[in-house]
Amino acid sequence: MLKIRKYIVEDDEDFINSNEEMFMFNQKEGTQIYVFFPSTSSKVGVFTIRQYIKEMQQNNVNQAIIVVKDSITAFAKQVFIEAKPLIIEHFKENELLVDKLSHVLVPKHELLEESEKKELIKIYKLKEAQLPKILSNDPISKYFGAKRGQVFKITRPSESSGEYIYYRIVV
């Protein structure tokens, strides 16, 4: 998932086999992200989330992914909202066990850059509201970390034309 989001993951084996609770990755553009693996086997609470937020603020990192074994309490999810402008995403461990993009039935997805999105709208003389929609909480959108207004280019195999390309906007 981090590689799809264009973060530099140097040694997969060390990352997978490590017992550490926190990792930091850099993106080619200089953006940093924390990945937290809470050691608690029960629900992750407010105290743990506040510790992570404090760590992020101390190191000037504004994005994080929290991978939990069970779930996050409702109060802890509220802390995410209060922590704006920090971007904190959470996934259950079992959501990440299978690479969704390598499954046979999932077509190729790509997030368009802003310039590509503008060109698409210009070429087809569209308004953003006319594009088919994909929800921001769709598993593929979450996997890519897609934000509202971004556009996916989806390429499907087609018997008649070889491949069929269509676009969906994140809402």
N, C-alpha and C. Protein backbone atom coordinates (compact mmCIF):
# COMPACT_ATOMS: atom_id res chain seq x y z
N MET A 1 0.83 -1.19 0.00
CA MET A 1 0.00 0.00 0.00
C MET A 1 0.87 1.25 0.00
N LEU A 2 1.95 1.25 0.77
CA LEU A 2 2.82 2.42 0.82
C LEU A 2 3.52 2.66 -0.51
N LYS A 3 3.88 1.59 -1.19
CA LYS A 3 4.52 1.74 -2.50
C LYS A 3 3.55 2.35 -3.52
N ILE A 4 2.28 1.96 -3.46
CA ILE A 4 1.28 2.54 -4.36
C ILE A 4 1.12 4.02 -4.10
N ARG A 5 1.24 4.42 -2.84
CA ARG A 5 1.12 5.83 -2.47
C ARG A 5 2.43 6.58 -2.68
N LYS A 6 3.41 5.93 -3.31
CA LYS A 6 4.70 6.51 -3.69
C LYS A 6 5.59 6.84 -2.50
N TYR A 7 5.52 6.00 -1.45
CA TYR A 7 6.46 6.13 -0.33
C TYR A 7 7.60 5.15 -0.56
N ILE A 8 8.75 5.49 -0.04
CA ILE A 8 9.94 4.68 -0.23
C ILE A 8 9.99 3.64 0.88
N VAL A 9 9.86 2.36 0.50
CA VAL A 9 9.95 1.25 1.44
C VAL A 9 11.17 0.46 0.99
N GLU A 10 12.27 0.60 1.75
CA GLU A 10 13.53 0.04 1.29
C GLU A 10 13.64 -1.47 1.49
N ASP A 11 13.37 -1.96 2.70
CA ASP A 11 13.57 -3.37 2.98
C ASP A 11 12.29 -3.98 3.52
N ASP A 12 11.54 -4.65 2.66
CA ASP A 12 10.26 -5.24 3.05
C ASP A 12 10.40 -6.25 4.18
N GLU A 13 11.44 -7.08 4.15
CA GLU A 13 11.60 -8.14 5.14
C GLU A 13 11.78 -7.58 6.55
N ASP A 14 12.61 -6.54 6.69
CA ASP A 14 12.80 -5.93 8.01
C ASP A 14 11.51 -5.33 8.52
N PHE A 15 10.75 -4.74 7.63
CA PHE A 15 9.47 -4.11 7.98
C PHE A 15 8.47 -5.17 8.45
N ILE A 16 8.36 -6.27 7.72
CA ILE A 16 7.39 -7.32 8.04
C ILE A 16 7.75 -8.06 9.32
N ASN A 17 9.03 -8.35 9.53
CA ASN A 17 9.45 -9.17 10.66
C ASN A 17 9.74 -8.37 11.93
N SER A 18 9.62 -7.07 11.87
CA SER A 18 9.95 -6.23 13.02
C SER A 18 8.86 -6.28 14.08
N ASN A 19 9.27 -6.10 15.33
CA ASN A 19 8.31 -6.05 16.44
C ASN A 19 8.06 -4.62 16.90
N GLU A 20 8.54 -3.64 16.15
CA GLU A 20 8.37 -2.25 16.53
C GLU A 20 6.93 -1.81 16.33
N GLU A 21 6.56 -0.78 17.06
CA GLU A 21 5.19 -0.28 17.02
C GLU A 21 5.03 0.90 16.06
N MET A 22 6.15 1.50 15.63
CA MET A 22 6.06 2.74 14.85
C MET A 22 7.14 2.76 13.77
N PHE A 23 6.74 3.19 12.56
CA PHE A 23 7.66 3.33 11.44
C PHE A 23 7.40 4.67 10.77
N MET A 24 8.44 5.25 10.19
CA MET A 24 8.28 6.47 9.41
C MET A 24 8.81 6.22 8.00
N PHE A 25 8.04 6.68 7.01
CA PHE A 25 8.44 6.53 5.61
C PHE A 25 8.43 7.88 4.94
N ASN A 26 9.31 8.05 3.96
CA ASN A 26 9.40 9.29 3.20
C ASN A 26 8.86 9.07 1.79
N GLN A 27 8.26 10.12 1.26
CA GLN A 27 7.78 10.10 -0.11
C GLN A 27 8.82 10.81 -0.97
N LYS A 28 8.81 10.56 -2.25
CA LYS A 28 9.78 11.19 -3.15
C LYS A 28 9.66 12.71 -3.12
N GLU A 29 8.45 13.22 -2.90
CA GLU A 29 8.24 14.67 -2.85
C GLU A 29 8.63 15.26 -1.51
N GLY A 30 9.09 14.45 -0.56
CA GLY A 30 9.51 14.95 0.74
C GLY A 30 8.48 14.80 1.84
N THR A 31 7.28 14.33 1.52
CA THR A 31 6.25 14.13 2.53
C THR A 31 6.61 12.91 3.37
N GLN A 32 6.29 12.97 4.65
CA GLN A 32 6.55 11.85 5.54
C GLN A 32 5.24 11.30 6.09
N ILE A 33 5.26 10.01 6.43
CA ILE A 33 4.08 9.38 7.01
C ILE A 33 4.53 8.41 8.09
N TYR A 34 3.76 8.36 9.17
CA TYR A 34 3.98 7.37 10.22
C TYR A 34 3.04 6.21 9.98
N VAL A 35 3.51 5.02 10.29
CA VAL A 35 2.65 3.83 10.31
C VAL A 35 2.77 3.27 11.72
N PHE A 36 1.64 3.21 12.42
CA PHE A 36 1.60 2.74 13.79
C PHE A 36 0.93 1.37 13.86
N PHE A 37 1.52 0.49 14.65
CA PHE A 37 0.96 -0.83 14.93
C PHE A 37 0.78 -0.94 16.44
N PRO A 38 -0.39 -0.55 16.97
CA PRO A 38 -0.58 -0.63 18.43
C PRO A 38 -0.40 -2.06 18.93
N SER A 39 0.32 -2.20 20.04
CA SER A 39 0.61 -3.53 20.58
C SER A 39 -0.56 -4.12 21.35
N THR A 40 -1.53 -3.31 21.68
CA THR A 40 -2.68 -3.80 22.44
C THR A 40 -3.53 -4.74 21.60
N SER A 41 -4.00 -5.82 22.23
CA SER A 41 -4.83 -6.78 21.50
C SER A 41 -6.32 -6.43 21.60
N SER A 42 -6.66 -5.53 22.51
CA SER A 42 -8.06 -5.11 22.63
C SER A 42 -8.27 -3.84 21.80
N LYS A 43 -9.41 -3.20 21.98
CA LYS A 43 -9.70 -1.97 21.24
C LYS A 43 -8.69 -0.88 21.59
N VAL A 44 -8.29 -0.13 20.58
CA VAL A 44 -7.36 0.99 20.78
C VAL A 44 -8.17 2.19 21.26
N GLY A 45 -7.69 2.82 22.34
CA GLY A 45 -8.43 3.90 22.95
C GLY A 45 -7.83 5.27 22.72
N VAL A 46 -8.41 6.24 23.39
CA VAL A 46 -8.04 7.65 23.25
C VAL A 46 -6.60 7.89 23.67
N PHE A 47 -6.16 7.28 24.76
CA PHE A 47 -4.82 7.50 25.27
C PHE A 47 -3.76 7.15 24.21
N THR A 48 -3.91 6.00 23.59
CA THR A 48 -2.96 5.56 22.57
C THR A 48 -2.95 6.51 21.38
N ILE A 49 -4.13 6.91 20.93
CA ILE A 49 -4.24 7.82 19.77
C ILE A 49 -3.60 9.16 20.10
N ARG A 50 -3.83 9.66 21.30
CA ARG A 50 -3.22 10.95 21.69
C ARG A 50 -1.70 10.86 21.74
N GLN A 51 -1.17 9.71 22.15
CA GLN A 51 0.29 9.52 22.13
C GLN A 51 0.82 9.60 20.70
N TYR A 52 0.11 8.97 19.77
CA TYR A 52 0.52 9.00 18.38
C TYR A 52 0.46 10.42 17.81
N ILE A 53 -0.59 11.14 18.15
CA ILE A 53 -0.73 12.52 17.69
C ILE A 53 0.40 13.38 18.23
N LYS A 54 0.74 13.19 19.49
CA LYS A 54 1.84 13.94 20.11
C LYS A 54 3.16 13.64 19.39
N GLU A 55 3.40 12.38 19.07
CA GLU A 55 4.60 11.98 18.34
C GLU A 55 4.64 12.64 16.97
N MET A 56 3.51 12.68 16.29
CA MET A 56 3.43 13.31 14.97
C MET A 56 3.72 14.80 15.06
N GLN A 57 3.15 15.47 16.05
CA GLN A 57 3.35 16.91 16.20
C GLN A 57 4.79 17.24 16.55
N GLN A 58 5.44 16.41 17.37
CA GLN A 58 6.82 16.66 17.75
C GLN A 58 7.77 16.56 16.55
N ASN A 59 7.44 15.69 15.61
CA ASN A 59 8.30 15.48 14.45
C ASN A 59 7.79 16.14 13.18
N ASN A 60 6.77 17.01 13.31
CA ASN A 60 6.19 17.73 12.17
C ASN A 60 5.78 16.81 11.03
N VAL A 61 5.13 15.71 11.38
CA VAL A 61 4.59 14.77 10.39
C VAL A 61 3.08 14.91 10.46
N ASN A 62 2.43 15.14 9.31
CA ASN A 62 0.99 15.39 9.36
C ASN A 62 0.14 14.26 8.80
N GLN A 63 0.75 13.10 8.50
CA GLN A 63 -0.02 11.96 8.01
C GLN A 63 0.38 10.71 8.78
N ALA A 64 -0.63 9.85 9.04
CA ALA A 64 -0.36 8.59 9.72
C ALA A 64 -1.37 7.54 9.32
N ILE A 65 -0.93 6.30 9.40
CA ILE A 65 -1.80 5.15 9.22
C ILE A 65 -1.68 4.32 10.48
N ILE A 66 -2.82 3.95 11.04
CA ILE A 66 -2.82 3.10 12.23
C ILE A 66 -3.42 1.76 11.83
N VAL A 67 -2.67 0.70 12.07
CA VAL A 67 -3.12 -0.65 11.74
C VAL A 67 -3.42 -1.35 13.06
N VAL A 68 -4.71 -1.65 13.29
CA VAL A 68 -5.14 -2.24 14.56
C VAL A 68 -5.54 -3.70 14.37
N LYS A 69 -5.40 -4.47 15.45
CA LYS A 69 -5.79 -5.88 15.41
C LYS A 69 -7.30 -6.02 15.52
N ASP A 70 -7.90 -5.29 16.46
CA ASP A 70 -9.33 -5.44 16.71
C ASP A 70 -10.10 -4.26 16.13
N SER A 71 -10.14 -3.16 16.84
CA SER A 71 -10.84 -1.96 16.36
C SER A 71 -10.41 -0.76 17.19
N ILE A 72 -11.01 0.37 16.88
CA ILE A 72 -10.74 1.62 17.58
C ILE A 72 -12.03 2.07 18.24
N THR A 73 -11.94 2.56 19.47
CA THR A 73 -13.15 2.99 20.17
C THR A 73 -13.74 4.22 19.49
N ALA A 74 -15.01 4.44 19.72
CA ALA A 74 -15.70 5.59 19.13
C ALA A 74 -15.09 6.90 19.61
N PHE A 75 -14.69 6.95 20.88
CA PHE A 75 -14.07 8.18 21.41
C PHE A 75 -12.72 8.44 20.74
N ALA A 76 -11.98 7.37 20.45
CA ALA A 76 -10.68 7.54 19.78
C ALA A 76 -10.88 8.05 18.35
N LYS A 77 -11.94 7.58 17.68
CA LYS A 77 -12.24 8.08 16.33
C LYS A 77 -12.58 9.56 16.37
N GLN A 78 -13.21 10.00 17.44
CA GLN A 78 -13.54 11.42 17.61
C GLN A 78 -12.26 12.25 17.73
N VAL A 79 -11.23 11.67 18.35
CA VAL A 79 -9.94 12.37 18.48
C VAL A 79 -9.33 12.62 17.10
N PHE A 80 -9.54 11.69 16.14
CA PHE A 80 -9.06 11.91 14.77
C PHE A 80 -9.62 13.21 14.21
N ILE A 81 -10.92 13.41 14.42
CA ILE A 81 -11.60 14.59 13.88
C ILE A 81 -11.06 15.85 14.54
N GLU A 82 -10.82 15.78 15.85
CA GLU A 82 -10.31 16.94 16.59
C GLU A 82 -8.87 17.25 16.24
N ALA A 83 -8.15 16.29 15.67
CA ALA A 83 -6.72 16.46 15.38
C ALA A 83 -6.45 17.13 14.04
N LYS A 84 -7.47 17.67 13.38
CA LYS A 84 -7.28 18.34 12.11
C LYS A 84 -6.21 19.40 12.30
N PRO A 85 -5.34 19.68 11.41
CA PRO A 85 -5.19 19.26 10.02
C PRO A 85 -4.41 17.96 9.84
N LEU A 86 -4.14 17.22 10.93
CA LEU A 86 -3.46 15.94 10.78
C LEU A 86 -4.37 14.96 10.05
N ILE A 87 -3.78 14.16 9.19
CA ILE A 87 -4.54 13.16 8.44
C ILE A 87 -4.19 11.80 9.03
N ILE A 88 -5.17 11.19 9.69
CA ILE A 88 -4.96 9.89 10.32
C ILE A 88 -5.96 8.90 9.76
N GLU A 89 -5.43 7.85 9.15
CA GLU A 89 -6.27 6.79 8.60
C GLU A 89 -6.10 5.55 9.48
N HIS A 90 -7.12 4.72 9.54
CA HIS A 90 -6.97 3.48 10.28
C HIS A 90 -7.50 2.31 9.48
N PHE A 91 -6.82 1.18 9.62
CA PHE A 91 -7.19 -0.06 8.96
C PHE A 91 -7.15 -1.18 9.98
N LYS A 92 -8.03 -2.14 9.80
CA LYS A 92 -7.91 -3.37 10.58
C LYS A 92 -6.87 -4.24 9.91
N GLU A 93 -6.16 -4.99 10.72
CA GLU A 93 -5.09 -5.84 10.20
C GLU A 93 -5.58 -6.78 9.10
N ASN A 94 -6.78 -7.36 9.29
CA ASN A 94 -7.27 -8.31 8.31
C ASN A 94 -7.67 -7.66 6.98
N GLU A 95 -7.86 -6.33 6.94
CA GLU A 95 -8.14 -5.64 5.69
C GLU A 95 -6.91 -5.58 4.79
N LEU A 96 -5.73 -5.68 5.41
CA LEU A 96 -4.49 -5.52 4.66
C LEU A 96 -3.78 -6.84 4.38
N LEU A 97 -4.39 -7.96 4.78
CA LEU A 97 -3.75 -9.25 4.56
C LEU A 97 -3.69 -9.63 3.09
N VAL A 98 -4.68 -9.21 2.32
CA VAL A 98 -4.72 -9.53 0.89
C VAL A 98 -4.55 -8.24 0.10
N ASP A 99 -3.68 -8.29 -0.89
CA ASP A 99 -3.49 -7.14 -1.78
C ASP A 99 -4.67 -7.07 -2.73
N LYS A 100 -5.54 -6.10 -2.49
CA LYS A 100 -6.77 -5.98 -3.28
C LYS A 100 -6.50 -5.75 -4.76
N LEU A 101 -5.43 -5.08 -5.07
CA LEU A 101 -5.15 -4.73 -6.47
C LEU A 101 -4.63 -5.89 -7.30
N SER A 102 -4.14 -6.95 -6.65
CA SER A 102 -3.62 -8.08 -7.41
C SER A 102 -4.67 -9.15 -7.65
N HIS A 103 -5.89 -8.95 -7.15
CA HIS A 103 -6.96 -9.92 -7.34
C HIS A 103 -7.42 -9.90 -8.80
N VAL A 104 -7.78 -11.06 -9.31
CA VAL A 104 -8.17 -11.22 -10.72
C VAL A 104 -9.38 -10.36 -11.09
N LEU A 105 -10.33 -10.22 -10.18
CA LEU A 105 -11.56 -9.52 -10.50
C LEU A 105 -11.48 -8.00 -10.32
N VAL A 106 -10.37 -7.50 -9.80
CA VAL A 106 -10.23 -6.05 -9.59
C VAL A 106 -9.47 -5.46 -10.78
N PRO A 107 -10.10 -4.53 -11.51
CA PRO A 107 -9.40 -3.93 -12.65
C PRO A 107 -8.28 -2.99 -12.19
N LYS A 108 -7.46 -2.59 -13.13
CA LYS A 108 -6.34 -1.70 -12.83
C LYS A 108 -6.87 -0.31 -12.47
N HIS A 109 -6.47 0.20 -11.31
CA HIS A 109 -6.85 1.53 -10.85
C HIS A 109 -5.61 2.43 -10.81
N GLU A 110 -5.79 3.66 -11.23
CA GLU A 110 -4.72 4.67 -11.13
C GLU A 110 -5.35 5.98 -10.68
N LEU A 111 -4.69 6.69 -9.79
CA LEU A 111 -5.16 8.02 -9.40
C LEU A 111 -4.56 9.03 -10.37
N LEU A 112 -5.39 9.88 -10.93
CA LEU A 112 -4.90 10.91 -11.85
C LEU A 112 -4.32 12.09 -11.07
N GLU A 113 -3.30 12.70 -11.64
CA GLU A 113 -2.77 13.95 -11.09
C GLU A 113 -3.79 15.05 -11.37
N GLU A 114 -3.67 16.17 -10.68
CA GLU A 114 -4.61 17.28 -10.87
C GLU A 114 -4.59 17.79 -12.30
N SER A 115 -3.40 17.86 -12.92
CA SER A 115 -3.32 18.33 -14.31
C SER A 115 -4.01 17.35 -15.26
N GLU A 116 -3.86 16.06 -15.01
CA GLU A 116 -4.52 15.05 -15.84
C GLU A 116 -6.04 15.14 -15.69
N LYS A 117 -6.49 15.41 -14.48
CA LYS A 117 -7.93 15.56 -14.22
C LYS A 117 -8.49 16.75 -15.00
N LYS A 118 -7.79 17.88 -14.98
CA LYS A 118 -8.24 19.06 -15.71
C LYS A 118 -8.28 18.81 -17.21
N GLU A 119 -7.28 18.09 -17.71
CA GLU A 119 -7.23 17.76 -19.13
C GLU A 119 -8.39 16.85 -19.52
N LEU A 120 -8.71 15.86 -18.67
CA LEU A 120 -9.83 14.96 -18.90
C LEU A 120 -11.15 15.73 -19.00
N ILE A 121 -11.35 16.65 -18.06
CA ILE A 121 -12.57 17.45 -18.04
C ILE A 121 -12.65 18.35 -19.27
N LYS A 122 -11.50 18.88 -19.68
CA LYS A 122 -11.45 19.75 -20.86
C LYS A 122 -11.73 18.97 -22.14
N ILE A 123 -11.10 17.81 -22.29
CA ILE A 123 -11.26 17.01 -23.51
C ILE A 123 -12.70 16.56 -23.70
N TYR A 124 -13.30 16.05 -22.64
CA TYR A 124 -14.65 15.52 -22.75
C TYR A 124 -15.74 16.55 -22.45
N LYS A 125 -15.32 17.78 -22.20
CA LYS A 125 -16.26 18.88 -21.92
C LYS A 125 -17.27 18.50 -20.83
N LEU A 126 -16.70 18.08 -19.71
CA LEU A 126 -17.50 17.62 -18.58
C LEU A 126 -17.44 18.59 -17.42
N LYS A 127 -18.34 18.41 -16.51
CA LYS A 127 -18.25 19.03 -15.19
C LYS A 127 -17.94 17.88 -14.23
N GLU A 128 -17.31 18.19 -13.12
CA GLU A 128 -16.95 17.13 -12.17
C GLU A 128 -18.17 16.33 -11.74
N ALA A 129 -19.30 16.99 -11.61
CA ALA A 129 -20.52 16.32 -11.15
C ALA A 129 -21.02 15.29 -12.16
N GLN A 130 -20.57 15.36 -13.40
CA GLN A 130 -21.03 14.43 -14.43
C GLN A 130 -20.24 13.12 -14.43
N LEU A 131 -19.12 13.09 -13.73
CA LEU A 131 -18.33 11.86 -13.67
C LEU A 131 -19.00 10.85 -12.75
N PRO A 132 -18.89 9.55 -13.07
CA PRO A 132 -19.38 8.53 -12.14
C PRO A 132 -18.62 8.65 -10.82
N LYS A 133 -19.25 8.25 -9.74
CA LYS A 133 -18.68 8.46 -8.42
C LYS A 133 -18.17 7.18 -7.79
N ILE A 134 -17.20 7.34 -6.90
CA ILE A 134 -16.71 6.27 -6.05
C ILE A 134 -16.60 6.87 -4.65
N LEU A 135 -17.04 6.14 -3.65
CA LEU A 135 -17.04 6.67 -2.29
C LEU A 135 -15.63 6.71 -1.71
N SER A 136 -15.38 7.67 -0.85
CA SER A 136 -14.06 7.78 -0.21
C SER A 136 -13.80 6.63 0.75
N ASN A 137 -14.88 5.97 1.22
CA ASN A 137 -14.67 4.83 2.11
C ASN A 137 -14.73 3.48 1.38
N ASP A 138 -14.74 3.51 0.04
CA ASP A 138 -14.62 2.30 -0.76
C ASP A 138 -13.25 1.68 -0.46
N PRO A 139 -13.15 0.36 -0.39
CA PRO A 139 -11.86 -0.26 -0.06
C PRO A 139 -10.70 0.17 -0.97
N ILE A 140 -10.96 0.35 -2.25
CA ILE A 140 -9.89 0.77 -3.17
C ILE A 140 -9.50 2.22 -2.89
N SER A 141 -10.47 3.09 -2.65
CA SER A 141 -10.18 4.49 -2.32
C SER A 141 -9.36 4.59 -1.05
N LYS A 142 -9.74 3.82 -0.03
CA LYS A 142 -8.98 3.81 1.22
C LYS A 142 -7.57 3.30 1.00
N TYR A 143 -7.44 2.27 0.19
CA TYR A 143 -6.13 1.66 -0.08
C TYR A 143 -5.19 2.68 -0.72
N PHE A 144 -5.71 3.48 -1.64
CA PHE A 144 -4.91 4.51 -2.31
C PHE A 144 -4.75 5.77 -1.47
N GLY A 145 -5.60 5.93 -0.45
CA GLY A 145 -5.58 7.17 0.32
C GLY A 145 -6.18 8.31 -0.47
N ALA A 146 -7.15 8.00 -1.33
CA ALA A 146 -7.76 9.00 -2.21
C ALA A 146 -8.58 10.00 -1.42
N LYS A 147 -8.51 11.24 -1.83
CA LYS A 147 -9.25 12.31 -1.18
C LYS A 147 -10.37 12.78 -2.10
N ARG A 148 -11.31 13.44 -1.49
CA ARG A 148 -12.46 13.98 -2.21
C ARG A 148 -12.00 14.82 -3.41
N GLY A 149 -12.61 14.58 -4.57
CA GLY A 149 -12.28 15.36 -5.76
C GLY A 149 -11.23 14.72 -6.65
N GLN A 150 -10.51 13.72 -6.15
CA GLN A 150 -9.54 13.04 -6.99
C GLN A 150 -10.26 12.08 -7.93
N VAL A 151 -9.62 11.76 -9.05
CA VAL A 151 -10.25 10.93 -10.07
C VAL A 151 -9.42 9.66 -10.29
N PHE A 152 -10.13 8.53 -10.33
CA PHE A 152 -9.51 7.25 -10.66
C PHE A 152 -9.67 6.99 -12.15
N LYS A 153 -8.61 6.49 -12.76
CA LYS A 153 -8.68 5.96 -14.13
C LYS A 153 -8.70 4.44 -13.96
N ILE A 154 -9.78 3.82 -14.43
CA ILE A 154 -9.96 2.39 -14.25
C ILE A 154 -9.92 1.72 -15.62
N THR A 155 -9.02 0.76 -15.78
CA THR A 155 -8.84 0.06 -17.05
C THR A 155 -9.30 -1.38 -16.89
N ARG A 156 -10.34 -1.75 -17.64
CA ARG A 156 -10.90 -3.10 -17.60
C ARG A 156 -10.64 -3.80 -18.93
N PRO A 157 -10.44 -5.11 -18.88
CA PRO A 157 -10.34 -5.85 -20.14
C PRO A 157 -11.71 -5.91 -20.82
N SER A 158 -11.72 -5.86 -22.14
CA SER A 158 -12.97 -5.90 -22.91
C SER A 158 -12.81 -6.86 -24.08
N GLU A 159 -13.82 -7.68 -24.29
CA GLU A 159 -13.76 -8.64 -25.40
C GLU A 159 -13.81 -7.95 -26.76
N SER A 160 -14.56 -6.87 -26.85
CA SER A 160 -14.73 -6.22 -28.15
C SER A 160 -13.62 -5.24 -28.50
N SER A 161 -13.10 -4.52 -27.52
CA SER A 161 -12.11 -3.49 -27.84
C SER A 161 -10.75 -3.72 -27.19
N GLY A 162 -10.55 -4.83 -26.52
CA GLY A 162 -9.26 -5.09 -25.87
C GLY A 162 -9.22 -4.58 -24.45
N GLU A 163 -9.47 -3.28 -24.29
CA GLU A 163 -9.56 -2.70 -22.95
C GLU A 163 -10.53 -1.53 -22.96
N TYR A 164 -11.13 -1.31 -21.84
CA TYR A 164 -12.13 -0.26 -21.69
C TYR A 164 -11.69 0.62 -20.53
N ILE A 165 -11.59 1.93 -20.77
CA ILE A 165 -11.14 2.87 -19.74
C ILE A 165 -12.33 3.74 -19.32
N TYR A 166 -12.51 3.86 -18.03
CA TYR A 166 -13.49 4.82 -17.54
C TYR A 166 -12.95 5.48 -16.29
N TYR A 167 -13.63 6.53 -15.87
CA TYR A 167 -13.14 7.38 -14.79
C TYR A 167 -14.20 7.49 -13.70
N ARG A 168 -13.75 7.59 -12.48
CA ARG A 168 -14.66 7.79 -11.34
C ARG A 168 -14.05 8.83 -10.41
N ILE A 169 -14.90 9.71 -9.91
CA ILE A 169 -14.45 10.77 -9.01
C ILE A 169 -14.77 10.38 -7.57
N VAL A 170 -13.87 10.67 -6.66
CA VAL A 170 -14.05 10.33 -5.25
C VAL A 170 -14.96 11.36 -4.58
N VAL A 171 -16.01 10.86 -3.95
CA VAL A 171 -16.94 11.74 -3.21
C VAL A 171 -17.01 11.33 -1.75
